[in-house]
Amino acid sequence: MAFYFEKTTKRKWAFFREAAERMFWPKLDREYQEEIEGIAEGVKARRPETAYDRVDLTALNSRLELAWYYVPYLDAKAMPGSGDNKAPGSCSAFIATGSATKDGRIVMAHNNWMEYILGER
């Protein structure tokens, strides 16, 4: 993800880590902080060679807000008119039931129009 965001936003992973820790971590309920810390401890126990921590996980969880809203906001602030500051279209879904379907049963579908590196998750 660090590679992907560096290529798509022109910002290093350290930017996302700093922004997530500053903007999101202090606002998370303690329960969620503990959950994220537990996940980070589990990753470290399973893969001790990695350096992932709670800040990486917070950045990953806030990837849409940071990459698709915050970065364009900063870009527009630095150079007015540089972007439209909105998330790209990425997916759609529908559900139908009752008289809207041939046999009255549930029909639903979802499509995902985003890069594989994001969509697989």
C-alpha atoms as a PDB file:
ATOM      1  CA  MET A   1       0.000   0.000   0.000  1.00  0.00           C
ATOM      2  CA  ALA A   2       2.897   2.360   0.701  1.00  0.00           C
ATOM      3  CA  PHE A   3       4.119   1.851  -2.868  1.00  0.00           C
ATOM      4  CA  TYR A   4       0.624   2.346  -4.293  1.00  0.00           C
ATOM      5  CA  PHE A   5      -0.054   5.558  -2.391  1.00  0.00           C
ATOM      6  CA  GLU A   6       3.343   7.007  -3.184  1.00  0.00           C
ATOM      7  CA  LYS A   7       2.697   6.461  -6.890  1.00  0.00           C
ATOM      8  CA  THR A   8      -0.925   7.681  -6.891  1.00  0.00           C
ATOM      9  CA  THR A   9      -0.647  10.634  -4.480  1.00  0.00           C
ATOM     10  CA  LYS A  10       3.044  11.570  -4.752  1.00  0.00           C
ATOM     11  CA  ARG A  11       3.330  11.311  -0.980  1.00  0.00           C
ATOM     12  CA  LYS A  12       5.458   8.938   1.064  1.00  0.00           C
ATOM     13  CA  TRP A  13       3.966   6.459   3.536  1.00  0.00           C
ATOM     14  CA  ALA A  14       5.354   8.632   6.356  1.00  0.00           C
ATOM     15  CA  PHE A  15       2.861  11.331   5.302  1.00  0.00           C
ATOM     16  CA  PHE A  16      -0.057   8.905   5.716  1.00  0.00           C
ATOM     17  CA  ARG A  17       1.278   7.653   9.054  1.00  0.00           C
ATOM     18  CA  GLU A  18       1.671  11.178  10.421  1.00  0.00           C
ATOM     19  CA  ALA A  19      -1.741  12.298   9.186  1.00  0.00           C
ATOM     20  CA  ALA A  20      -3.499   9.207  10.575  1.00  0.00           C
ATOM     21  CA  GLU A  21      -1.840   9.510  13.959  1.00  0.00           C
ATOM     22  CA  ARG A  22      -2.546  13.238  14.203  1.00  0.00           C
ATOM     23  CA  MET A  23      -6.058  13.339  12.737  1.00  0.00           C
ATOM     24  CA  PHE A  24      -7.641   9.995  13.587  1.00  0.00           C
ATOM     25  CA  TRP A  25      -5.879   8.216  16.447  1.00  0.00           C
ATOM     26  CA  PRO A  26      -6.769  10.767  19.166  1.00  0.00           C
ATOM     27  CA  LYS A  27     -10.432  10.664  18.120  1.00  0.00           C
ATOM     28  CA  LEU A  28     -10.814   6.890  18.273  1.00  0.00           C
ATOM     29  CA  ASP A  29     -12.610   5.483  21.288  1.00  0.00           C
ATOM     30  CA  ARG A  30     -10.242   3.674  23.609  1.00  0.00           C
ATOM     31  CA  GLU A  31     -11.957   0.376  22.730  1.00  0.00           C
ATOM     32  CA  TYR A  32     -10.984   0.783  19.058  1.00  0.00           C
ATOM     33  CA  GLN A  33      -7.475   1.906  19.945  1.00  0.00           C
ATOM     34  CA  GLU A  34      -7.049  -1.264  21.993  1.00  0.00           C
ATOM     35  CA  GLU A  35      -8.406  -3.376  19.141  1.00  0.00           C
ATOM     36  CA  ILE A  36      -5.965  -1.835  16.653  1.00  0.00           C
ATOM     37  CA  GLU A  37      -3.090  -2.227  19.127  1.00  0.00           C
ATOM     38  CA  GLY A  38      -4.063  -5.896  19.541  1.00  0.00           C
ATOM     39  CA  ILE A  39      -4.057  -6.445  15.791  1.00  0.00           C
ATOM     40  CA  ALA A  40      -0.600  -4.831  15.571  1.00  0.00           C
ATOM     41  CA  GLU A  41       0.650  -7.095  18.371  1.00  0.00           C
ATOM     42  CA  GLY A  42      -0.774 -10.112  16.528  1.00  0.00           C
ATOM     43  CA  VAL A  43       1.001  -9.120  13.320  1.00  0.00           C
ATOM     44  CA  LYS A  44       4.256  -8.673  15.231  1.00  0.00           C
ATOM     45  CA  ALA A  45       3.831 -12.079  16.921  1.00  0.00           C
ATOM     46  CA  ARG A  46       3.120 -13.810  13.622  1.00  0.00           C
ATOM     47  CA  ARG A  47       5.656 -11.898  11.553  1.00  0.00           C
ATOM     48  CA  PRO A  48       8.357 -10.587  13.943  1.00  0.00           C
ATOM     49  CA  GLU A  49      10.476  -9.399  11.016  1.00  0.00           C
ATOM     50  CA  THR A  50       7.884  -6.749  10.089  1.00  0.00           C
ATOM     51  CA  ALA A  51       7.783  -3.232  11.439  1.00  0.00           C
ATOM     52  CA  TYR A  52       4.010  -2.718  11.227  1.00  0.00           C
ATOM     53  CA  ASP A  53       2.446  -0.932  14.164  1.00  0.00           C
ATOM     54  CA  ARG A  54      -0.800   0.719  15.253  1.00  0.00           C
ATOM     55  CA  VAL A  55      -0.027   3.809  13.187  1.00  0.00           C
ATOM     56  CA  ASP A  56       0.296   1.748   9.988  1.00  0.00           C
ATOM     57  CA  LEU A  57      -3.025   0.057  10.715  1.00  0.00           C
ATOM     58  CA  THR A  58      -4.702   3.386  11.446  1.00  0.00           C
ATOM     59  CA  ALA A  59      -3.343   4.786   8.171  1.00  0.00           C
ATOM     60  CA  LEU A  60      -4.622   1.744   6.277  1.00  0.00           C
ATOM     61  CA  ASN A  61      -8.054   2.138   7.856  1.00  0.00           C
ATOM     62  CA  SER A  62      -8.156   5.814   6.897  1.00  0.00           C
ATOM     63  CA  ARG A  63      -6.791   5.338   3.393  1.00  0.00           C
ATOM     64  CA  LEU A  64      -9.892   6.594   1.604  1.00  0.00           C
ATOM     65  CA  GLU A  65     -10.175   9.742   3.686  1.00  0.00           C
ATOM     66  CA  LEU A  66      -6.480  10.512   3.409  1.00  0.00           C
ATOM     67  CA  ALA A  67      -5.771   9.598  -0.226  1.00  0.00           C
ATOM     68  CA  TRP A  68      -9.064  10.637  -1.796  1.00  0.00           C
ATOM     69  CA  TYR A  69     -10.074  13.660   0.300  1.00  0.00           C
ATOM     70  CA  TYR A  70      -7.196  15.017   2.384  1.00  0.00           C
ATOM     71  CA  VAL A  71      -4.502  14.871  -0.326  1.00  0.00           C
ATOM     72  CA  PRO A  72      -6.721  16.591  -2.929  1.00  0.00           C
ATOM     73  CA  TYR A  73      -7.652  19.191  -0.294  1.00  0.00           C
ATOM     74  CA  LEU A  74      -3.970  19.916   0.365  1.00  0.00           C
ATOM     75  CA  ASP A  75      -3.228  20.009  -3.367  1.00  0.00           C
ATOM     76  CA  ALA A  76      -6.073  22.459  -3.996  1.00  0.00           C
ATOM     77  CA  LYS A  77      -4.909  24.597  -1.084  1.00  0.00           C
ATOM     78  CA  ALA A  78      -1.351  24.684  -2.452  1.00  0.00           C
ATOM     79  CA  MET A  79      -2.499  25.339  -6.006  1.00  0.00           C
ATOM     80  CA  PRO A  80      -6.134  26.453  -6.351  1.00  0.00           C
ATOM     81  CA  GLY A  81      -7.967  24.692  -9.158  1.00  0.00           C
ATOM     82  CA  SER A  82      -5.615  21.694  -9.130  1.00  0.00           C
ATOM     83  CA  GLY A  83      -8.357  19.155  -8.437  1.00  0.00           C
ATOM     84  CA  ASP A  84     -12.003  18.626  -7.661  1.00  0.00           C
ATOM     85  CA  ASN A  85     -11.424  17.183  -4.161  1.00  0.00           C
ATOM     86  CA  LYS A  86     -13.838  14.289  -4.393  1.00  0.00           C
ATOM     87  CA  ALA A  87     -13.435  10.563  -4.225  1.00  0.00           C
ATOM     88  CA  PRO A  88     -13.484   8.772  -7.562  1.00  0.00           C
ATOM     89  CA  GLY A  89     -16.426   6.557  -8.383  1.00  0.00           C
ATOM     90  CA  SER A  90     -15.616   3.043  -7.370  1.00  0.00           C
ATOM     91  CA  CYS A  91     -18.573   0.744  -6.989  1.00  0.00           C
ATOM     92  CA  SER A  92     -22.310   0.328  -7.060  1.00  0.00           C
ATOM     93  CA  ALA A  93     -24.832  -2.188  -5.815  1.00  0.00           C
ATOM     94  CA  PHE A  94     -28.509  -3.010  -5.874  1.00  0.00           C
ATOM     95  CA  ILE A  95     -30.978  -5.292  -4.161  1.00  0.00           C
ATOM     96  CA  ALA A  96     -34.473  -6.234  -5.300  1.00  0.00           C
ATOM     97  CA  THR A  97     -37.151  -8.433  -3.801  1.00  0.00           C
ATOM     98  CA  GLY A  98     -40.879  -9.099  -3.968  1.00  0.00           C
ATOM     99  CA  SER A  99     -42.665  -7.902  -7.085  1.00  0.00           C
ATOM    100  CA  ALA A 100     -39.407  -6.445  -8.465  1.00  0.00           C
ATOM    101  CA  THR A 101     -38.070  -9.941  -9.161  1.00  0.00           C
ATOM    102  CA  LYS A 102     -39.318 -12.793 -11.333  1.00  0.00           C
ATOM    103  CA  ASP A 103     -39.952 -15.199  -8.448  1.00  0.00           C
ATOM    104  CA  GLY A 104     -40.240 -12.761  -5.518  1.00  0.00           C
ATOM    105  CA  ARG A 105     -36.934 -13.855  -4.045  1.00  0.00           C
ATOM    106  CA  ILE A 106     -33.975 -11.613  -3.274  1.00  0.00           C
ATOM    107  CA  VAL A 107     -31.667 -10.598  -6.113  1.00  0.00           C
ATOM    108  CA  MET A 108     -28.619  -8.523  -5.390  1.00  0.00           C
ATOM    109  CA  ALA A 109     -25.362  -7.573  -7.036  1.00  0.00           C
ATOM    110  CA  HIS A 110     -22.278  -5.472  -6.456  1.00  0.00           C
ATOM    111  CA  ASN A 111     -19.557  -4.297  -8.780  1.00  0.00           C
ATOM    112  CA  ASN A 112     -16.233  -2.822  -7.845  1.00  0.00           C
ATOM    113  CA  TRP A 113     -14.441  -0.476 -10.228  1.00  0.00           C
ATOM    114  CA  MET A 114     -11.112   0.200  -8.605  1.00  0.00           C
ATOM    115  CA  GLU A 115      -7.511  -0.864  -8.864  1.00  0.00           C
ATOM    116  CA  TYR A 116      -6.891  -4.465  -7.883  1.00  0.00           C
ATOM    117  CA  ILE A 117      -4.545  -3.500  -5.062  1.00  0.00           C
ATOM    118  CA  LEU A 118      -7.485  -1.778  -3.333  1.00  0.00           C
ATOM    119  CA  GLY A 119     -10.378  -3.845  -4.641  1.00  0.00           C
ATOM    120  CA  GLU A 120      -8.976  -7.162  -3.439  1.00  0.00           C
ATOM    121  CA  ARG A 121      -9.350  -5.902   0.117  1.00  0.00           C
END
